[in-house]
C-alpha atoms as a PDB file:
ATOM      1  CA  UNK A   1     -63.776  98.413 134.236  1.00  0.00           C
ATOM      2  CA  UNK A   2     -60.209  96.547 133.935  1.00  0.00           C
ATOM      3  CA  UNK A   3     -58.478  94.786 131.884  1.00  0.00           C
ATOM      4  CA  UNK A   4     -57.666  91.463 131.597  1.00  0.00           C
ATOM      5  CA  UNK A   5     -54.121  89.805 130.790  1.00  0.00           C
ATOM      6  CA  UNK A   6     -54.396  87.379 128.512  1.00  0.00           C
ATOM      7  CA  UNK A   7     -50.676  85.707 129.479  1.00  0.00           C
ATOM      8  CA  UNK A   8     -52.119  85.482 133.057  1.00  0.00           C
ATOM      9  CA  UNK A   9     -55.027  86.404 133.650  1.00  0.00           C
ATOM     10  CA  UNK A  10     -54.209  89.602 136.299  1.00  0.00           C
ATOM     11  CA  UNK A  11     -57.018  92.580 136.172  1.00  0.00           C
ATOM     12  CA  UNK A  12     -55.293  95.540 134.997  1.00  0.00           C
ATOM     13  CA  UNK A  13     -56.830  99.612 134.398  1.00  0.00           C
ATOM     14  CA  UNK A  14     -58.687  99.989 131.229  1.00  0.00           C
ATOM     15  CA  UNK A  15     -55.903 102.249 130.531  1.00  0.00           C
ATOM     16  CA  UNK A  16     -52.608  99.726 131.359  1.00  0.00           C
ATOM     17  CA  UNK A  17     -50.797  99.420 127.891  1.00  0.00           C
ATOM     18  CA  UNK A  18     -49.093  96.059 129.661  1.00  0.00           C
ATOM     19  CA  UNK A  19     -49.470  94.077 132.537  1.00  0.00           C
ATOM     20  CA  UNK A  20     -49.033  95.006 135.902  1.00  0.00           C
ATOM     21  CA  UNK A  21     -48.294  91.380 136.703  1.00  0.00           C
ATOM     22  CA  UNK A  22     -46.131  89.826 133.872  1.00  0.00           C
ATOM     23  CA  UNK A  23     -45.089  92.900 131.540  1.00  0.00           C
ATOM     24  CA  UNK A  24     -47.045  91.043 128.993  1.00  0.00           C
ATOM     25  CA  UNK A  25     -48.400  93.336 126.370  1.00  0.00           C
ATOM     26  CA  UNK A  26     -52.090  94.436 126.847  1.00  0.00           C
ATOM     27  CA  UNK A  27     -52.993  95.242 122.868  1.00  0.00           C
ATOM     28  CA  UNK A  28     -51.542  92.045 121.393  1.00  0.00           C
ATOM     29  CA  UNK A  29     -53.432  88.640 121.692  1.00  0.00           C
ATOM     30  CA  UNK A  30     -50.593  85.849 122.208  1.00  0.00           C
ATOM     31  CA  UNK A  31     -51.820  83.435 119.507  1.00  0.00           C
ATOM     32  CA  UNK A  32     -52.451  79.200 120.922  1.00  0.00           C
ATOM     33  CA  UNK A  33     -49.312  77.415 120.762  1.00  0.00           C
ATOM     34  CA  UNK A  34     -49.564  75.105 117.375  1.00  0.00           C
ATOM     35  CA  UNK A  35     -49.466  71.535 118.461  1.00  0.00           C
ATOM     36  CA  UNK A  36     -47.285  69.080 116.194  1.00  0.00           C
ATOM     37  CA  UNK A  37     -48.732  67.185 113.522  1.00  0.00           C
ATOM     38  CA  UNK A  38     -48.256  63.314 114.583  1.00  0.00           C
ATOM     39  CA  UNK A  39     -47.699  62.247 111.282  1.00  0.00           C
ATOM     40  CA  UNK A  40     -44.463  64.082 110.806  1.00  0.00           C
ATOM     41  CA  UNK A  41     -40.937  62.640 112.335  1.00  0.00           C
ATOM     42  CA  UNK A  42     -39.290  64.678 113.603  1.00  0.00           C
ATOM     43  CA  UNK A  43     -34.936  63.767 113.459  1.00  0.00           C
ATOM     44  CA  UNK A  44     -32.855  65.031 115.493  1.00  0.00           C
ATOM     45  CA  UNK A  45     -29.336  65.538 113.975  1.00  0.00           C
ATOM     46  CA  UNK A  46     -26.627  62.544 115.787  1.00  0.00           C
ATOM     47  CA  UNK A  47     -24.092  64.843 117.289  1.00  0.00           C
ATOM     48  CA  UNK A  48     -21.129  63.077 118.099  1.00  0.00           C
ATOM     49  CA  UNK A  49     -19.481  63.349 121.625  1.00  0.00           C
ATOM     50  CA  UNK A  50     -16.777  66.311 122.195  1.00  0.00           C
ATOM     51  CA  UNK A  51     -16.650  69.329 120.351  1.00  0.00           C
ATOM     52  CA  UNK A  52     -18.627  69.777 117.292  1.00  0.00           C
ATOM     53  CA  UNK A  53     -17.019  70.519 114.325  1.00  0.00           C
ATOM     54  CA  UNK A  54     -18.542  73.289 111.912  1.00  0.00           C
ATOM     55  CA  UNK A  55     -17.350  73.035 108.100  1.00  0.00           C
ATOM     56  CA  UNK A  56     -17.123  76.000 106.112  1.00  0.00           C
ATOM     57  CA  UNK A  57     -20.099  76.765 103.935  1.00  0.00           C
ATOM     58  CA  UNK A  58     -20.184  74.221 100.936  1.00  0.00           C
ATOM     59  CA  UNK A  59     -17.809  72.045 102.673  1.00  0.00           C
ATOM     60  CA  UNK A  60     -17.691  68.629 103.315  1.00  0.00           C
ATOM     61  CA  UNK A  61     -18.435  67.630 107.254  1.00  0.00           C
ATOM     62  CA  UNK A  62     -15.637  64.927 107.433  1.00  0.00           C
ATOM     63  CA  UNK A  63     -13.281  65.867 104.669  1.00  0.00           C
ATOM     64  CA  UNK A  64     -13.163  70.481 105.094  1.00  0.00           C
ATOM     65  CA  UNK A  65     -10.741  70.551 102.111  1.00  0.00           C
ATOM     66  CA  UNK A  66     -13.369  68.843  99.821  1.00  0.00           C
ATOM     67  CA  UNK A  67     -16.384  70.640  98.212  1.00  0.00           C
ATOM     68  CA  UNK A  68     -19.747  69.309  99.082  1.00  0.00           C
ATOM     69  CA  UNK A  69     -22.086  67.551  96.509  1.00  0.00           C
ATOM     70  CA  UNK A  70     -24.581  65.682  98.686  1.00  0.00           C
ATOM     71  CA  UNK A  71     -26.300  66.571 102.344  1.00  0.00           C
ATOM     72  CA  UNK A  72     -27.073  63.339 104.555  1.00  0.00           C
ATOM     73  CA  UNK A  73     -31.151  62.572 104.298  1.00  0.00           C
ATOM     74  CA  UNK A  74     -30.732  61.393 108.143  1.00  0.00           C
ATOM     75  CA  UNK A  75     -28.706  63.996 109.986  1.00  0.00           C
ATOM     76  CA  UNK A  76     -28.416  66.996 107.261  1.00  0.00           C
ATOM     77  CA  UNK A  77     -24.814  67.313 107.298  1.00  0.00           C
ATOM     78  CA  UNK A  78     -22.620  67.944 103.995  1.00  0.00           C
ATOM     79  CA  UNK A  79     -21.028  65.440 102.528  1.00  0.00           C
ATOM     80  CA  UNK A  80     -18.912  64.714  99.873  1.00  0.00           C
ATOM     81  CA  UNK A  81     -18.737  62.486  96.963  1.00  0.00           C
ATOM     82  CA  UNK A  82     -16.226  59.656  98.672  1.00  0.00           C
ATOM     83  CA  UNK A  83     -18.433  60.057 101.958  1.00  0.00           C
ATOM     84  CA  UNK A  84     -21.454  59.447 100.793  1.00  0.00           C
ATOM     85  CA  UNK A  85     -23.250  56.037 101.064  1.00  0.00           C
ATOM     86  CA  UNK A  86     -26.515  54.710  99.346  1.00  0.00           C
ATOM     87  CA  UNK A  87     -29.211  53.924 101.338  1.00  0.00           C
ATOM     88  CA  UNK A  88     -31.866  52.724  98.915  1.00  0.00           C
ATOM     89  CA  UNK A  89     -33.376  55.654  97.858  1.00  0.00           C
ATOM     90  CA  UNK A  90     -31.627  57.766 100.015  1.00  0.00           C
ATOM     91  CA  UNK A  91     -27.832  58.609 100.540  1.00  0.00           C
ATOM     92  CA  UNK A  92     -26.388  59.279 104.085  1.00  0.00           C
ATOM     93  CA  UNK A  93     -23.357  60.089 105.340  1.00  0.00           C
ATOM     94  CA  UNK A  94     -21.009  57.215 107.277  1.00  0.00           C
ATOM     95  CA  UNK A  95     -21.879  57.641 110.618  1.00  0.00           C
ATOM     96  CA  UNK A  96     -25.307  57.318 109.614  1.00  0.00           C
ATOM     97  CA  UNK A  97     -25.108  54.515 107.399  1.00  0.00           C
ATOM     98  CA  UNK A  98     -23.303  52.640 110.255  1.00  0.00           C
ATOM     99  CA  UNK A  99     -26.112  52.845 112.579  1.00  0.00           C
ATOM    100  CA  UNK A 100     -28.887  51.723 109.772  1.00  0.00           C
ATOM    101  CA  UNK A 101     -27.946  49.013 107.494  1.00  0.00           C
ATOM    102  CA  UNK A 102     -27.580  46.294 109.603  1.00  0.00           C
ATOM    103  CA  UNK A 103     -24.439  44.433 109.878  1.00  0.00           C
ATOM    104  CA  UNK A 104     -24.530  41.411 107.219  1.00  0.00           C
ATOM    105  CA  UNK A 105     -24.709  38.014 109.519  1.00  0.00           C
ATOM    106  CA  UNK A 106     -21.411  36.131 109.494  1.00  0.00           C
ATOM    107  CA  UNK A 107     -20.970  33.556 107.061  1.00  0.00           C
ATOM    108  CA  UNK A 108     -19.804  30.061 108.189  1.00  0.00           C
ATOM    109  CA  UNK A 109     -16.352  28.920 106.929  1.00  0.00           C
ATOM    110  CA  UNK A 110     -16.012  26.642 104.307  1.00  0.00           C
ATOM    111  CA  UNK A 111     -15.218  22.984 105.306  1.00  0.00           C
ATOM    112  CA  UNK A 112     -11.462  22.035 104.968  1.00  0.00           C
ATOM    113  CA  UNK A 113     -10.444  18.610 103.635  1.00  0.00           C
ATOM    114  CA  UNK A 114      -7.138  16.557 104.545  1.00  0.00           C
ATOM    115  CA  UNK A 115      -5.264  15.895 101.356  1.00  0.00           C
ATOM    116  CA  UNK A 116      -6.109  12.265 101.644  1.00  0.00           C
ATOM    117  CA  UNK A 117      -9.749  12.953 101.650  1.00  0.00           C
ATOM    118  CA  UNK A 118     -11.476  13.847  98.609  1.00  0.00           C
ATOM    119  CA  UNK A 119     -15.209  15.968  98.957  1.00  0.00           C
ATOM    120  CA  UNK A 120     -18.253  14.229  99.175  1.00  0.00           C
ATOM    121  CA  UNK A 121     -19.832  13.905  96.044  1.00  0.00           C
ATOM    122  CA  UNK A 122     -23.936  14.018  95.796  1.00  0.00           C
ATOM    123  CA  UNK A 123     -25.973  11.054  94.093  1.00  0.00           C
ATOM    124  CA  UNK A 124     -27.408  12.822  90.836  1.00  0.00           C
ATOM    125  CA  UNK A 125     -30.717  13.473  90.420  1.00  0.00           C
ATOM    126  CA  UNK A 126     -33.381  11.892  88.869  1.00  0.00           C
ATOM    127  CA  UNK A 127     -33.783  13.006  85.767  1.00  0.00           C
ATOM    128  CA  UNK A 128     -37.200  11.285  84.256  1.00  0.00           C
ATOM    129  CA  UNK A 129     -36.868  10.887  80.251  1.00  0.00           C
ATOM    130  CA  UNK A 130     -38.018  13.382  78.416  1.00  0.00           C
ATOM    131  CA  UNK A 131     -41.875  12.315  77.035  1.00  0.00           C
ATOM    132  CA  UNK A 132     -41.734  10.522  73.402  1.00  0.00           C
ATOM    133  CA  UNK A 133     -43.057  13.258  70.920  1.00  0.00           C
ATOM    134  CA  UNK A 134     -45.692  11.844  68.070  1.00  0.00           C
ATOM    135  CA  UNK A 135     -45.986  13.795  64.899  1.00  0.00           C
ATOM    136  CA  UNK A 136     -48.643  13.010  62.169  1.00  0.00           C
ATOM    137  CA  UNK A 137     -46.949  10.803  59.838  1.00  0.00           C
ATOM    138  CA  UNK A 138     -44.667   8.659  62.519  1.00  0.00           C
ATOM    139  CA  UNK A 139     -45.548   5.192  64.075  1.00  0.00           C
ATOM    140  CA  UNK A 140     -46.641   5.518  68.068  1.00  0.00           C
ATOM    141  CA  UNK A 141     -44.551   4.600  70.582  1.00  0.00           C
ATOM    142  CA  UNK A 142     -44.209   0.730  70.845  1.00  0.00           C
ATOM    143  CA  UNK A 143     -46.430  -0.362  74.263  1.00  0.00           C
ATOM    144  CA  UNK A 144     -45.598  -3.511  75.250  1.00  0.00           C
ATOM    145  CA  UNK A 145     -48.283  -5.970  75.539  1.00  0.00           C
ATOM    146  CA  UNK A 146     -48.748  -7.882  78.915  1.00  0.00           C
ATOM    147  CA  UNK A 147     -48.769 -11.294  79.153  1.00  0.00           C
ATOM    148  CA  UNK A 148     -52.513 -13.690  79.378  1.00  0.00           C
ATOM    149  CA  UNK A 149     -53.262 -14.776  82.628  1.00  0.00           C
ATOM    150  CA  UNK A 150     -53.603 -18.392  83.661  1.00  0.00           C
ATOM    151  CA  UNK A 151     -57.007 -18.316  83.159  1.00  0.00           C
ATOM    152  CA  UNK A 152     -56.819 -17.357  79.516  1.00  0.00           C
ATOM    153  CA  UNK A 153     -54.370 -20.158  78.625  1.00  0.00           C
ATOM    154  CA  UNK A 154     -56.823 -22.474  79.838  1.00  0.00           C
ATOM    155  CA  UNK A 155     -58.953 -21.817  77.564  1.00  0.00           C
ATOM    156  CA  UNK A 156     -56.941 -20.850  74.746  1.00  0.00           C
ATOM    157  CA  UNK A 157     -56.206 -24.847  75.569  1.00  0.00           C
ATOM    158  CA  UNK A 158     -59.430 -26.263  76.247  1.00  0.00           C
ATOM    159  CA  UNK A 159     -60.607 -24.435  72.506  1.00  0.00           C
ATOM    160  CA  UNK A 160     -57.962 -25.413  70.979  1.00  0.00           C
ATOM    161  CA  UNK A 161     -58.240 -29.142  71.539  1.00  0.00           C
ATOM    162  CA  UNK A 162     -62.560 -29.077  71.385  1.00  0.00           C
ATOM    163  CA  UNK A 163     -61.392 -27.578  67.325  1.00  0.00           C
ATOM    164  CA  UNK A 164     -59.427 -30.187  66.619  1.00  0.00           C
ATOM    165  CA  UNK A 165     -62.191 -32.926  68.262  1.00  0.00           C
ATOM    166  CA  UNK A 166     -64.987 -31.153  66.270  1.00  0.00           C
ATOM    167  CA  UNK A 167     -62.533 -30.999  62.833  1.00  0.00           C
ATOM    168  CA  UNK A 168     -61.797 -35.112  63.480  1.00  0.00           C
ATOM    169  CA  UNK A 169     -65.620 -35.651  63.808  1.00  0.00           C
ATOM    170  CA  UNK A 170     -66.493 -34.408  60.514  1.00  0.00           C
ATOM    171  CA  UNK A 171     -63.610 -36.143  58.815  1.00  0.00           C
ATOM    172  CA  UNK A 172     -64.864 -38.656  60.770  1.00  0.00           C
ATOM    173  CA  UNK A 173     -68.266 -38.217  59.128  1.00  0.00           C
ATOM    174  CA  UNK A 174     -66.953 -39.365  55.658  1.00  0.00           C
ATOM    175  CA  UNK A 175     -66.900 -43.004  56.965  1.00  0.00           C
ATOM    176  CA  UNK A 176     -69.828 -44.543  56.190  1.00  0.00           C
ATOM    177  CA  UNK A 177     -69.726 -46.898  59.243  1.00  0.00           C
ATOM    178  CA  UNK A 178     -69.099 -44.273  61.216  1.00  0.00           C
ATOM    179  CA  UNK A 179     -71.971 -41.517  59.767  1.00  0.00           C
ATOM    180  CA  UNK A 180     -74.772 -44.561  59.651  1.00  0.00           C
ATOM    181  CA  UNK A 181     -73.675 -45.508  63.606  1.00  0.00           C
ATOM    182  CA  UNK A 182     -74.083 -41.320  64.289  1.00  0.00           C
ATOM    183  CA  UNK A 183     -77.506 -40.588  62.628  1.00  0.00           C
ATOM    184  CA  UNK A 184     -78.628 -43.175  65.609  1.00  0.00           C
ATOM    185  CA  UNK A 185     -77.477 -40.821  68.126  1.00  0.00           C
ATOM    186  CA  UNK A 186     -78.123 -37.487  66.451  1.00  0.00           C
ATOM    187  CA  UNK A 187     -80.984 -38.128  64.610  1.00  0.00           C
ATOM    188  CA  UNK A 188     -80.843 -34.198  62.109  1.00  0.00           C
ATOM    189  CA  UNK A 189     -77.959 -35.236  60.775  1.00  0.00           C
ATOM    190  CA  UNK A 190     -79.516 -36.611  57.042  1.00  0.00           C
ATOM    191  CA  UNK A 191     -81.672 -33.186  57.401  1.00  0.00           C
ATOM    192  CA  UNK A 192     -78.440 -31.367  56.625  1.00  0.00           C
ATOM    193  CA  UNK A 193     -77.460 -33.303  53.507  1.00  0.00           C
ATOM    194  CA  UNK A 194     -74.487 -35.454  52.556  1.00  0.00           C
ATOM    195  CA  UNK A 195     -72.000 -36.451  54.740  1.00  0.00           C
ATOM    196  CA  UNK A 196     -69.520 -33.867  52.519  1.00  0.00           C
ATOM    197  CA  UNK A 197     -71.455 -31.094  53.620  1.00  0.00           C
ATOM    198  CA  UNK A 198     -71.529 -32.178  57.203  1.00  0.00           C
ATOM    199  CA  UNK A 199     -68.039 -32.558  56.596  1.00  0.00           C
ATOM    200  CA  UNK A 200     -67.587 -28.912  55.611  1.00  0.00           C
ATOM    201  CA  UNK A 201     -69.706 -27.356  58.331  1.00  0.00           C
ATOM    202  CA  UNK A 202     -67.269 -29.599  61.104  1.00  0.00           C
ATOM    203  CA  UNK A 203     -64.152 -28.104  59.297  1.00  0.00           C
ATOM    204  CA  UNK A 204     -65.574 -24.481  59.491  1.00  0.00           C
ATOM    205  CA  UNK A 205     -66.835 -24.847  63.167  1.00  0.00           C
ATOM    206  CA  UNK A 206     -63.787 -26.025  64.179  1.00  0.00           C
ATOM    207  CA  UNK A 207     -61.988 -23.364  62.599  1.00  0.00           C
ATOM    208  CA  UNK A 208     -63.467 -20.979  63.876  1.00  0.00           C
ATOM    209  CA  UNK A 209     -62.509 -22.065  67.353  1.00  0.00           C
ATOM    210  CA  UNK A 210     -59.428 -22.102  67.037  1.00  0.00           C
ATOM    211  CA  UNK A 211     -59.516 -18.591  65.917  1.00  0.00           C
ATOM    212  CA  UNK A 212     -61.292 -17.805  69.163  1.00  0.00           C
ATOM    213  CA  UNK A 213     -58.821 -19.337  70.873  1.00  0.00           C
ATOM    214  CA  UNK A 214     -56.164 -17.826  69.634  1.00  0.00           C
ATOM    215  CA  UNK A 215     -57.589 -13.796  70.613  1.00  0.00           C
ATOM    216  CA  UNK A 216     -57.830 -15.566  74.126  1.00  0.00           C
ATOM    217  CA  UNK A 217     -53.931 -16.025  74.010  1.00  0.00           C
ATOM    218  CA  UNK A 218     -53.520 -12.459  72.773  1.00  0.00           C
ATOM    219  CA  UNK A 219     -55.465 -11.018  75.570  1.00  0.00           C
ATOM    220  CA  UNK A 220     -59.032 -10.673  73.788  1.00  0.00           C
ATOM    221  CA  UNK A 221     -60.754 -12.835  76.003  1.00  0.00           C
ATOM    222  CA  UNK A 222     -64.598 -10.740  75.512  1.00  0.00           C
ATOM    223  CA  UNK A 223     -64.266 -11.525  71.734  1.00  0.00           C
ATOM    224  CA  UNK A 224     -62.637 -14.842  71.672  1.00  0.00           C
ATOM    225  CA  UNK A 225     -65.011 -15.897  74.294  1.00  0.00           C
ATOM    226  CA  UNK A 226     -68.248 -15.015  72.116  1.00  0.00           C
ATOM    227  CA  UNK A 227     -66.570 -16.924  69.101  1.00  0.00           C
ATOM    228  CA  UNK A 228     -66.136 -19.401  71.473  1.00  0.00           C
ATOM    229  CA  UNK A 229     -69.522 -20.065  72.574  1.00  0.00           C
ATOM    230  CA  UNK A 230     -71.653 -20.424  69.683  1.00  0.00           C
ATOM    231  CA  UNK A 231     -69.112 -21.910  67.568  1.00  0.00           C
ATOM    232  CA  UNK A 232     -69.439 -25.007  70.473  1.00  0.00           C
ATOM    233  CA  UNK A 233     -72.900 -24.845  70.504  1.00  0.00           C
ATOM    234  CA  UNK A 234     -73.366 -25.428  66.924  1.00  0.00           C
ATOM    235  CA  UNK A 235     -70.661 -28.144  66.869  1.00  0.00           C
ATOM    236  CA  UNK A 236     -74.123 -29.864  68.385  1.00  0.00           C
ATOM    237  CA  UNK A 237     -74.897 -30.280  64.656  1.00  0.00           C
ATOM    238  CA  UNK A 238     -72.264 -32.617  63.483  1.00  0.00           C
ATOM    239  CA  UNK A 239     -72.460 -34.614  66.871  1.00  0.00           C
ATOM    240  CA  UNK A 240     -70.608 -32.241  68.916  1.00  0.00           C
ATOM    241  CA  UNK A 241     -66.828 -33.345  68.237  1.00  0.00           C
ATOM    242  CA  UNK A 242     -67.351 -36.312  69.994  1.00  0.00           C
ATOM    243  CA  UNK A 243     -69.646 -34.347  72.539  1.00  0.00           C
ATOM    244  CA  UNK A 244     -66.152 -33.595  73.879  1.00  0.00           C
ATOM    245  CA  UNK A 245     -65.236 -30.993  71.711  1.00  0.00           C
ATOM    246  CA  UNK A 246     -68.747 -28.949  72.992  1.00  0.00           C
ATOM    247  CA  UNK A 247     -68.269 -29.251  77.067  1.00  0.00           C
ATOM    248  CA  UNK A 248     -64.447 -28.314  76.092  1.00  0.00           C
ATOM    249  CA  UNK A 249     -65.613 -25.197  74.228  1.00  0.00           C
ATOM    250  CA  UNK A 250     -68.032 -24.081  76.831  1.00  0.00           C
ATOM    251  CA  UNK A 251     -65.224 -24.411  79.379  1.00  0.00           C
ATOM    252  CA  UNK A 252     -62.607 -22.848  77.339  1.00  0.00           C
ATOM    253  CA  UNK A 253     -65.220 -19.930  76.616  1.00  0.00           C
ATOM    254  CA  UNK A 254     -65.691 -19.582  80.666  1.00  0.00           C
ATOM    255  CA  UNK A 255     -62.178 -19.448  81.212  1.00  0.00           C
ATOM    256  CA  UNK A 256     -61.393 -16.655  78.345  1.00  0.00           C
ATOM    257  CA  UNK A 257     -63.957 -14.395  79.558  1.00  0.00           C
ATOM    258  CA  UNK A 258     -62.890 -14.239  83.273  1.00  0.00           C
ATOM    259  CA  UNK A 259     -59.402 -14.452  82.308  1.00  0.00           C
ATOM    260  CA  UNK A 260     -59.776 -11.277  80.415  1.00  0.00           C
END
């Protein structure tokens, strides 16, 4: 029976204590080599060229006459307070600090202006006006009313003329000759009662037409048209403002509606 060497594999005698080939002990088992952990980073201390300076224990590597206060987190040198450089949460020696901390980018020189030239003045930035704050009890801010459109202006003019013609027609009904002549055209006039009642109805219709035309001018074209249209039709009761008032009232209502 032989005893195999665990180091070189040589077959030795059974009573041998050491290998005859490599001299390794045959009674001790050689443990396998341990592989380094990949996640652990081994940092080799940075050594300057030339002779290596070995400071006394507890003294600074760069100033042997000063006591060491810190240890460089990169190379492990003992350093004094004057040689310690803070980088993030580390303490580095001057040599490691120069190799780790990037140099700052050079800044461009400031422009130099000639004595007769003044530096350019930047245009002031536009600052919007602050919003108008409204509080309870205070009137709201004034908002300008846009001018009326040309159609609304023509609707106002025609409606005012229609109202004036209706009022004149109502006033003319107080004359007996005109009233008797107008009965031949509008046979329902006697059903309204005496001429004074037809005059009162005409005055009311004419004033409402004028009010509707003013609403058109103020920008309320829809409301003005709603007021003018029925009053122009009702003006036919007393003769339509010589009929021209009826026509002008209808046209004024249409223009007021289109010009809203």
